[in-house]
């Protein structure tokens, strides 16, 4: 597992980790555009609903955003790889 995937998995599946670290993580820390997009989705979801997102909620949010097909596919792949 790549470091970026470990961070995103922690943000998605560990609420305590999410709340303690989200303020210190920037999207430019992620080199892959899919990882950046997923991070932005997690951050925006937390800001909007004040609770951690589920994987399914992120997939729905991702489908509601207009973006190039390559970015969408990379983001879906990133979400599928998170465990």
C-alpha atoms as a PDB file:
ATOM      1  CA  UNK A   1       0.000   0.000   0.000  1.00  0.00           C
ATOM      2  CA  UNK A   2       1.294   3.408  -0.951  1.00  0.00           C
ATOM      3  CA  UNK A   3       1.604   6.128   1.683  1.00  0.00           C
ATOM      4  CA  UNK A   4      -1.100   8.199   0.015  1.00  0.00           C
ATOM      5  CA  UNK A   5      -3.493   5.253   0.080  1.00  0.00           C
ATOM      6  CA  UNK A   6      -2.764   4.651   3.758  1.00  0.00           C
ATOM      7  CA  UNK A   7      -3.549   8.298   4.533  1.00  0.00           C
ATOM      8  CA  UNK A   8      -6.785   8.246   2.537  1.00  0.00           C
ATOM      9  CA  UNK A   9      -7.837   4.943   4.127  1.00  0.00           C
ATOM     10  CA  UNK A  10      -7.208   6.405   7.563  1.00  0.00           C
ATOM     11  CA  UNK A  11      -9.277   9.473   6.712  1.00  0.00           C
ATOM     12  CA  UNK A  12     -12.126   7.346   5.404  1.00  0.00           C
ATOM     13  CA  UNK A  13     -12.254   4.607   8.026  1.00  0.00           C
ATOM     14  CA  UNK A  14     -10.894   6.173  11.240  1.00  0.00           C
ATOM     15  CA  UNK A  15     -12.896   9.170  12.457  1.00  0.00           C
ATOM     16  CA  UNK A  16     -10.439  10.061  15.236  1.00  0.00           C
ATOM     17  CA  UNK A  17      -7.553  10.118  12.736  1.00  0.00           C
ATOM     18  CA  UNK A  18      -9.681  12.147  10.312  1.00  0.00           C
ATOM     19  CA  UNK A  19     -10.566  14.826  12.843  1.00  0.00           C
ATOM     20  CA  UNK A  20      -7.016  15.138  14.205  1.00  0.00           C
ATOM     21  CA  UNK A  21      -5.170  15.280  10.877  1.00  0.00           C
ATOM     22  CA  UNK A  22      -7.435  16.764   8.200  1.00  0.00           C
ATOM     23  CA  UNK A  23      -6.436  20.339   9.053  1.00  0.00           C
ATOM     24  CA  UNK A  24      -2.765  19.555   8.453  1.00  0.00           C
ATOM     25  CA  UNK A  25      -3.059  17.702   5.138  1.00  0.00           C
ATOM     26  CA  UNK A  26      -3.047  19.562   1.841  1.00  0.00           C
ATOM     27  CA  UNK A  27      -4.176  18.224  -1.506  1.00  0.00           C
ATOM     28  CA  UNK A  28      -0.787  19.014  -3.057  1.00  0.00           C
ATOM     29  CA  UNK A  29       0.730  16.286  -0.851  1.00  0.00           C
ATOM     30  CA  UNK A  30      -0.902  13.751  -3.182  1.00  0.00           C
ATOM     31  CA  UNK A  31       0.875  13.249  -6.504  1.00  0.00           C
ATOM     32  CA  UNK A  32      -1.843  11.229  -8.255  1.00  0.00           C
ATOM     33  CA  UNK A  33      -4.819  13.251  -9.519  1.00  0.00           C
ATOM     34  CA  UNK A  34      -7.208  10.532  -8.340  1.00  0.00           C
ATOM     35  CA  UNK A  35      -5.756  10.691  -4.830  1.00  0.00           C
ATOM     36  CA  UNK A  36      -6.036  14.492  -4.844  1.00  0.00           C
ATOM     37  CA  UNK A  37      -9.643  14.322  -5.959  1.00  0.00           C
ATOM     38  CA  UNK A  38     -10.591  11.761  -3.305  1.00  0.00           C
ATOM     39  CA  UNK A  39      -8.872  13.839  -0.615  1.00  0.00           C
ATOM     40  CA  UNK A  40     -10.792  16.947  -1.723  1.00  0.00           C
ATOM     41  CA  UNK A  41     -14.046  14.964  -1.652  1.00  0.00           C
ATOM     42  CA  UNK A  42     -13.364  13.740   1.897  1.00  0.00           C
ATOM     43  CA  UNK A  43     -12.438  17.236   3.073  1.00  0.00           C
ATOM     44  CA  UNK A  44     -15.439  18.886   1.399  1.00  0.00           C
ATOM     45  CA  UNK A  45     -17.808  16.231   2.743  1.00  0.00           C
ATOM     46  CA  UNK A  46     -16.540  16.748   6.282  1.00  0.00           C
ATOM     47  CA  UNK A  47     -16.921  20.521   5.932  1.00  0.00           C
ATOM     48  CA  UNK A  48     -20.443  20.189   4.549  1.00  0.00           C
ATOM     49  CA  UNK A  49     -21.886  17.493   6.846  1.00  0.00           C
ATOM     50  CA  UNK A  50     -19.491  17.558   9.844  1.00  0.00           C
ATOM     51  CA  UNK A  51     -19.207  13.775   9.769  1.00  0.00           C
ATOM     52  CA  UNK A  52     -16.926  11.344   7.978  1.00  0.00           C
ATOM     53  CA  UNK A  53     -18.076  10.157   4.562  1.00  0.00           C
ATOM     54  CA  UNK A  54     -18.698   6.582   3.563  1.00  0.00           C
ATOM     55  CA  UNK A  55     -17.123   5.114   0.463  1.00  0.00           C
ATOM     56  CA  UNK A  56     -20.552   5.022  -1.166  1.00  0.00           C
ATOM     57  CA  UNK A  57     -21.199   8.689  -0.366  1.00  0.00           C
ATOM     58  CA  UNK A  58     -17.900   9.633  -1.994  1.00  0.00           C
ATOM     59  CA  UNK A  59     -18.799   7.652  -5.108  1.00  0.00           C
ATOM     60  CA  UNK A  60     -22.094   9.541  -5.334  1.00  0.00           C
ATOM     61  CA  UNK A  61     -20.364  12.897  -4.801  1.00  0.00           C
ATOM     62  CA  UNK A  62     -17.810  11.973  -7.450  1.00  0.00           C
ATOM     63  CA  UNK A  63     -20.589  11.261  -9.938  1.00  0.00           C
ATOM     64  CA  UNK A  64     -22.083  14.714  -9.320  1.00  0.00           C
ATOM     65  CA  UNK A  65     -18.917  16.603 -10.282  1.00  0.00           C
ATOM     66  CA  UNK A  66     -18.054  17.486 -13.874  1.00  0.00           C
ATOM     67  CA  UNK A  67     -14.488  16.413 -14.604  1.00  0.00           C
ATOM     68  CA  UNK A  68     -12.424  14.840 -17.373  1.00  0.00           C
ATOM     69  CA  UNK A  69     -12.975  11.115 -17.830  1.00  0.00           C
ATOM     70  CA  UNK A  70      -9.361  10.300 -16.938  1.00  0.00           C
ATOM     71  CA  UNK A  71      -9.632  12.089 -13.597  1.00  0.00           C
ATOM     72  CA  UNK A  72     -12.956  10.369 -12.884  1.00  0.00           C
ATOM     73  CA  UNK A  73     -11.549   6.928 -13.681  1.00  0.00           C
ATOM     74  CA  UNK A  74      -8.436   7.550 -11.582  1.00  0.00           C
ATOM     75  CA  UNK A  75     -10.594   8.700  -8.665  1.00  0.00           C
ATOM     76  CA  UNK A  76     -12.844   5.639  -8.898  1.00  0.00           C
ATOM     77  CA  UNK A  77      -9.747   3.418  -8.959  1.00  0.00           C
ATOM     78  CA  UNK A  78      -8.396   5.175  -5.857  1.00  0.00           C
ATOM     79  CA  UNK A  79     -11.700   4.672  -4.029  1.00  0.00           C
ATOM     80  CA  UNK A  80     -11.813   0.998  -5.020  1.00  0.00           C
ATOM     81  CA  UNK A  81      -8.285   0.483  -3.646  1.00  0.00           C
ATOM     82  CA  UNK A  82      -9.073   1.924  -0.206  1.00  0.00           C
ATOM     83  CA  UNK A  83      -9.623  -0.601   2.570  1.00  0.00           C
END
